[in-house]
C-alpha atoms as a PDB file:
ATOM      1  CA  MET A   1       1.795 -63.560-109.405  1.00  0.00           C
ATOM      2  CA  GLN A   2       0.289 -61.774-106.868  1.00  0.00           C
ATOM      3  CA  ASP A   3       2.432 -61.302-103.870  1.00  0.00           C
ATOM      4  CA  SER A   4       1.916 -63.744-100.906  1.00  0.00           C
ATOM      5  CA  LYS A   5       2.195 -60.652 -98.052  1.00  0.00           C
ATOM      6  CA  PRO A   6       0.646 -57.802 -98.210  1.00  0.00           C
ATOM      7  CA  ASP A   7       2.244 -54.026 -98.600  1.00  0.00           C
ATOM      8  CA  PRO A   8       3.296 -54.173 -94.557  1.00  0.00           C
ATOM      9  CA  LYS A   9       2.059 -49.906 -94.546  1.00  0.00           C
ATOM     10  CA  LEU A  10      -1.065 -50.174 -96.590  1.00  0.00           C
ATOM     11  CA  ALA A  11      -2.115 -52.963 -94.276  1.00  0.00           C
ATOM     12  CA  ARG A  12      -1.639 -50.724 -91.516  1.00  0.00           C
ATOM     13  CA  GLU A  13      -3.313 -47.796 -93.257  1.00  0.00           C
ATOM     14  CA  ALA A  14      -6.141 -50.069 -94.241  1.00  0.00           C
ATOM     15  CA  LYS A  15      -5.952 -51.865 -90.186  1.00  0.00           C
ATOM     16  CA  ALA A  16      -5.932 -48.167 -88.647  1.00  0.00           C
ATOM     17  CA  ILE A  17      -8.632 -46.676 -90.912  1.00  0.00           C
ATOM     18  CA  VAL A  18     -11.375 -50.037 -90.097  1.00  0.00           C
ATOM     19  CA  ALA A  19     -10.872 -49.256 -86.982  1.00  0.00           C
ATOM     20  CA  LEU A  20     -11.404 -45.620 -86.713  1.00  0.00           C
ATOM     21  CA  ALA A  21     -14.283 -45.772 -89.390  1.00  0.00           C
ATOM     22  CA  PHE A  22     -15.953 -49.304 -88.879  1.00  0.00           C
ATOM     23  CA  ARG A  23     -15.542 -50.840 -84.602  1.00  0.00           C
ATOM     24  CA  ASN A  24     -15.414 -47.689 -82.917  1.00  0.00           C
ATOM     25  CA  GLY A  25     -18.439 -46.263 -84.648  1.00  0.00           C
ATOM     26  CA  PRO A  26     -22.246 -46.842 -84.119  1.00  0.00           C
ATOM     27  CA  ILE A  27     -21.610 -50.933 -84.636  1.00  0.00           C
ATOM     28  CA  GLU A  28     -19.687 -51.295 -81.259  1.00  0.00           C
ATOM     29  CA  ASN A  29     -22.839 -50.050 -79.873  1.00  0.00           C
ATOM     30  CA  PHE A  30     -25.027 -52.571 -81.393  1.00  0.00           C
ATOM     31  CA  HIS A  31     -22.509 -54.711 -80.356  1.00  0.00           C
ATOM     32  CA  ALA A  32     -21.915 -54.440 -77.084  1.00  0.00           C
ATOM     33  CA  GLY A  33     -26.184 -54.552 -76.354  1.00  0.00           C
ATOM     34  CA  LYS A  34     -27.441 -57.809 -75.139  1.00  0.00           C
ATOM     35  CA  GLN A  35     -27.934 -61.187 -77.283  1.00  0.00           C
ATOM     36  CA  CYS A  36     -30.771 -61.660 -78.689  1.00  0.00           C
ATOM     37  CA  PRO A  37     -31.970 -64.833 -76.328  1.00  0.00           C
ATOM     38  CA  THR A  38     -33.936 -66.527 -79.685  1.00  0.00           C
ATOM     39  CA  CYS A  39     -31.657 -65.681 -81.818  1.00  0.00           C
ATOM     40  CA  ARG A  40     -28.505 -65.597 -81.244  1.00  0.00           C
ATOM     41  CA  ASP A  41     -27.030 -68.829 -81.786  1.00  0.00           C
ATOM     42  CA  GLU A  42     -28.889 -69.413 -84.813  1.00  0.00           C
ATOM     43  CA  ILE A  43     -27.610 -69.091 -88.807  1.00  0.00           C
ATOM     44  CA  GLY A  44     -29.397 -66.656 -90.847  1.00  0.00           C
ATOM     45  CA  TYR A  45     -31.505 -64.533 -89.359  1.00  0.00           C
ATOM     46  CA  SER A  46     -30.753 -60.684 -89.183  1.00  0.00           C
ATOM     47  CA  LYS A  47     -29.047 -59.304 -86.279  1.00  0.00           C
ATOM     48  CA  ILE A  48     -28.766 -55.703 -87.693  1.00  0.00           C
ATOM     49  CA  THR A  49     -31.846 -53.623 -88.451  1.00  0.00           C
ATOM     50  CA  ASP A  50     -31.902 -52.306 -91.877  1.00  0.00           C
ATOM     51  CA  ASP A  51     -31.519 -48.755 -90.354  1.00  0.00           C
ATOM     52  CA  GLU A  52     -28.555 -49.728 -87.981  1.00  0.00           C
ATOM     53  CA  MET A  53     -26.601 -51.428 -91.483  1.00  0.00           C
ATOM     54  CA  LYS A  54     -27.764 -47.671 -93.152  1.00  0.00           C
ATOM     55  CA  ALA A  55     -25.705 -45.820 -90.044  1.00  0.00           C
ATOM     56  CA  ILE A  56     -23.321 -48.347 -89.583  1.00  0.00           C
ATOM     57  CA  MET A  57     -21.779 -47.871 -92.929  1.00  0.00           C
ATOM     58  CA  LYS A  58     -23.267 -44.124 -93.499  1.00  0.00           C
ATOM     59  CA  ASN A  59     -20.937 -43.510 -90.881  1.00  0.00           C
ATOM     60  CA  ALA A  60     -18.125 -45.837 -92.272  1.00  0.00           C
ATOM     61  CA  VAL A  61     -18.420 -43.768 -96.079  1.00  0.00           C
ATOM     62  CA  ASP A  62     -17.975 -39.902 -94.201  1.00  0.00           C
ATOM     63  CA  HIS A  63     -14.712 -41.759 -92.180  1.00  0.00           C
ATOM     64  CA  VAL A  64     -13.594 -43.524 -94.726  1.00  0.00           C
ATOM     65  CA  TYR A  65     -13.502 -39.723 -96.727  1.00  0.00           C
ATOM     66  CA  LYS A  66     -12.480 -37.129 -94.130  1.00  0.00           C
ATOM     67  CA  PHE A  67      -9.207 -39.343 -93.746  1.00  0.00           C
ATOM     68  CA  SER A  68      -8.938 -39.623 -97.533  1.00  0.00           C
ATOM     69  CA  VAL A  69      -9.689 -35.752 -97.753  1.00  0.00           C
ATOM     70  CA  MET A  70      -7.113 -35.838 -94.875  1.00  0.00           C
ATOM     71  CA  LYS A  71      -4.149 -37.812 -96.245  1.00  0.00           C
ATOM     72  CA  LYS A  72      -4.265 -35.289 -99.187  1.00  0.00           C
ATOM     73  CA  THR A  73      -4.749 -32.118 -97.058  1.00  0.00           C
ATOM     74  CA  ASP A  74      -3.226 -32.557 -93.725  1.00  0.00           C
ATOM     75  CA  PRO A  75      -0.052 -35.712 -93.728  1.00  0.00           C
ATOM     76  CA  VAL A  76       0.598 -35.004 -91.001  1.00  0.00           C
ATOM     77  CA  ARG A  77      -2.787 -34.748 -89.019  1.00  0.00           C
ATOM     78  CA  TYR A  78      -3.332 -37.878 -90.645  1.00  0.00           C
ATOM     79  CA  GLU A  79      -0.193 -39.394 -90.019  1.00  0.00           C
ATOM     80  CA  LYS A  80      -0.812 -39.772 -86.364  1.00  0.00           C
ATOM     81  CA  LEU A  81      -4.697 -40.420 -86.623  1.00  0.00           C
ATOM     82  CA  ILE A  82      -3.558 -43.444 -88.381  1.00  0.00           C
ATOM     83  CA  GLU A  83      -1.168 -43.404 -85.556  1.00  0.00           C
ATOM     84  CA  TYR A  84      -3.702 -44.117 -82.723  1.00  0.00           C
ATOM     85  CA  GLY A  85      -5.930 -46.363 -84.995  1.00  0.00           C
ATOM     86  CA  ASN A  86      -3.020 -48.439 -85.361  1.00  0.00           C
ATOM     87  CA  ASP A  87      -2.900 -49.172 -81.323  1.00  0.00           C
ATOM     88  CA  ILE A  88      -6.410 -50.187 -81.450  1.00  0.00           C
ATOM     89  CA  ALA A  89      -6.323 -52.175 -84.469  1.00  0.00           C
ATOM     90  CA  ARG A  90      -2.266 -53.548 -83.589  1.00  0.00           C
ATOM     91  CA  GLN A  91      -3.244 -56.888 -82.284  1.00  0.00           C
ATOM     92  CA  TRP A  92      -5.190 -57.585 -85.689  1.00  0.00           C
ATOM     93  CA  ASP A  93      -4.494 -59.954 -88.634  1.00  0.00           C
ATOM     94  CA  ASP A  94      -3.254 -58.849 -91.786  1.00  0.00           C
ATOM     95  CA  PRO A  95      -5.289 -58.447 -94.578  1.00  0.00           C
ATOM     96  CA  ALA A  96      -4.629 -60.983 -96.932  1.00  0.00           C
ATOM     97  CA  ALA A  97      -3.219 -60.085-100.242  1.00  0.00           C
ATOM     98  CA  ALA A  98      -3.778 -58.469-103.264  1.00  0.00           C
END
Protein backbone atom coordinates (compact mmCIF):
# COMPACT_ATOMS: atom_id res chain seq x y z
CA MET A 1 0.00 0.00 0.00
CA GLN A 2 1.29 3.46 -0.89
CA ASP A 3 1.70 6.24 1.66
CA SER A 4 -0.99 8.88 1.49
CA LYS A 5 1.48 11.71 2.10
CA PRO A 6 4.92 12.32 0.64
CA ASP A 7 8.00 12.22 2.84
CA PRO A 8 8.33 15.86 4.06
CA LYS A 9 12.14 15.91 3.72
CA LEU A 10 12.05 14.57 0.17
CA ALA A 11 9.15 16.87 -0.75
CA ARG A 12 11.11 19.89 0.53
CA GLU A 13 14.17 18.80 -1.43
CA ALA A 14 12.19 18.15 -4.62
CA LYS A 15 10.49 21.56 -4.56
CA ALA A 16 13.79 23.33 -3.87
CA ILE A 17 15.54 21.53 -6.73
CA VAL A 18 12.73 22.33 -9.17
CA ALA A 19 12.77 25.98 -8.10
CA LEU A 20 16.52 26.24 -8.61
CA ALA A 21 16.97 23.98 -11.64
CA PHE A 22 13.81 24.74 -13.57
CA ARG A 23 11.80 27.75 -12.46
CA ASN A 24 14.80 30.06 -12.05
CA GLY A 25 16.25 29.02 -15.41
CA PRO A 26 15.47 29.98 -19.00
CA ILE A 27 11.77 29.25 -18.57
CA GLU A 28 11.44 32.33 -16.38
CA ASN A 29 12.62 34.47 -19.31
CA PHE A 30 9.96 32.95 -21.56
CA HIS A 31 7.31 33.28 -18.89
CA ALA A 32 8.19 36.94 -18.33
CA GLY A 33 7.78 37.80 -22.03
CA LYS A 34 4.68 39.12 -23.73
CA GLN A 35 1.84 36.71 -24.42
CA CYS A 36 1.00 35.86 -28.00
CA PRO A 37 -2.11 37.90 -28.82
CA THR A 38 -3.25 35.31 -31.37
CA CYS A 39 -2.82 32.04 -29.48
CA ARG A 40 -2.61 32.88 -25.77
CA ASP A 41 -6.05 31.46 -24.94
CA GLU A 42 -5.96 28.63 -27.46
CA ILE A 43 -5.37 25.14 -26.10
CA GLY A 44 -3.16 22.91 -28.18
CA TYR A 45 -0.81 25.56 -29.61
CA SER A 46 2.82 25.38 -28.63
CA LYS A 47 4.03 28.54 -26.99
CA ILE A 48 7.63 27.37 -26.55
CA THR A 49 9.87 26.62 -29.52
CA ASP A 50 11.95 23.44 -29.78
CA ASP A 51 15.13 25.47 -29.19
CA GLU A 52 13.61 27.12 -26.11
CA MET A 53 12.52 23.75 -24.74
CA LYS A 54 15.98 22.34 -25.36
CA ALA A 55 17.53 25.25 -23.44
CA ILE A 56 15.06 24.79 -20.55
CA MET A 57 15.73 21.07 -20.24
CA LYS A 58 19.52 21.40 -20.68
CA ASN A 59 19.58 23.97 -17.88
CA ALA A 60 17.48 21.74 -15.60
CA VAL A 61 19.60 18.63 -16.25
CA ASP A 62 22.84 20.55 -15.69
CA HIS A 63 21.56 21.94 -12.39
CA VAL A 64 20.13 18.65 -11.10
CA TYR A 65 23.44 16.97 -11.92
CA LYS A 66 25.39 19.72 -10.17
CA PHE A 67 23.13 19.44 -7.10
CA SER A 68 23.49 15.63 -7.07
CA VAL A 69 27.28 15.92 -7.10
CA MET A 70 27.16 18.61 -4.41
CA LYS A 71 24.93 16.47 -2.18
CA LYS A 72 27.60 13.76 -2.28
CA THR A 73 30.73 15.92 -2.10
CA ASP A 74 29.65 18.95 -0.02
CA PRO A 75 26.50 18.14 1.98
CA VAL A 76 26.69 21.31 4.10
CA ARG A 77 26.72 23.55 1.02
CA TYR A 78 23.99 21.39 -0.54
CA GLU A 79 21.74 21.85 2.49
CA LYS A 80 22.23 25.63 2.32
CA LEU A 81 21.30 25.53 -1.36
CA ILE A 82 18.19 23.47 -0.63
CA GLU A 83 17.15 25.94 2.07
CA TYR A 84 17.54 28.81 -0.42
CA GLY A 85 15.48 26.94 -3.01
CA ASN A 86 12.88 26.15 -0.41
CA ASP A 87 12.50 29.85 0.36
CA ILE A 88 11.39 30.25 -3.25
CA ALA A 89 9.12 27.18 -3.23
CA ARG A 90 7.74 27.39 0.31
CA GLN A 91 4.17 28.16 -0.85
CA TRP A 92 4.11 25.48 -3.54
CA ASP A 93 1.96 22.38 -3.21
CA ASP A 94 3.70 19.25 -1.96
CA PRO A 95 4.25 16.51 -4.53
CA ALA A 96 1.81 13.66 -4.86
CA ALA A 97 2.77 10.63 -2.83
CA ALA A 98 4.68 7.96 -4.73
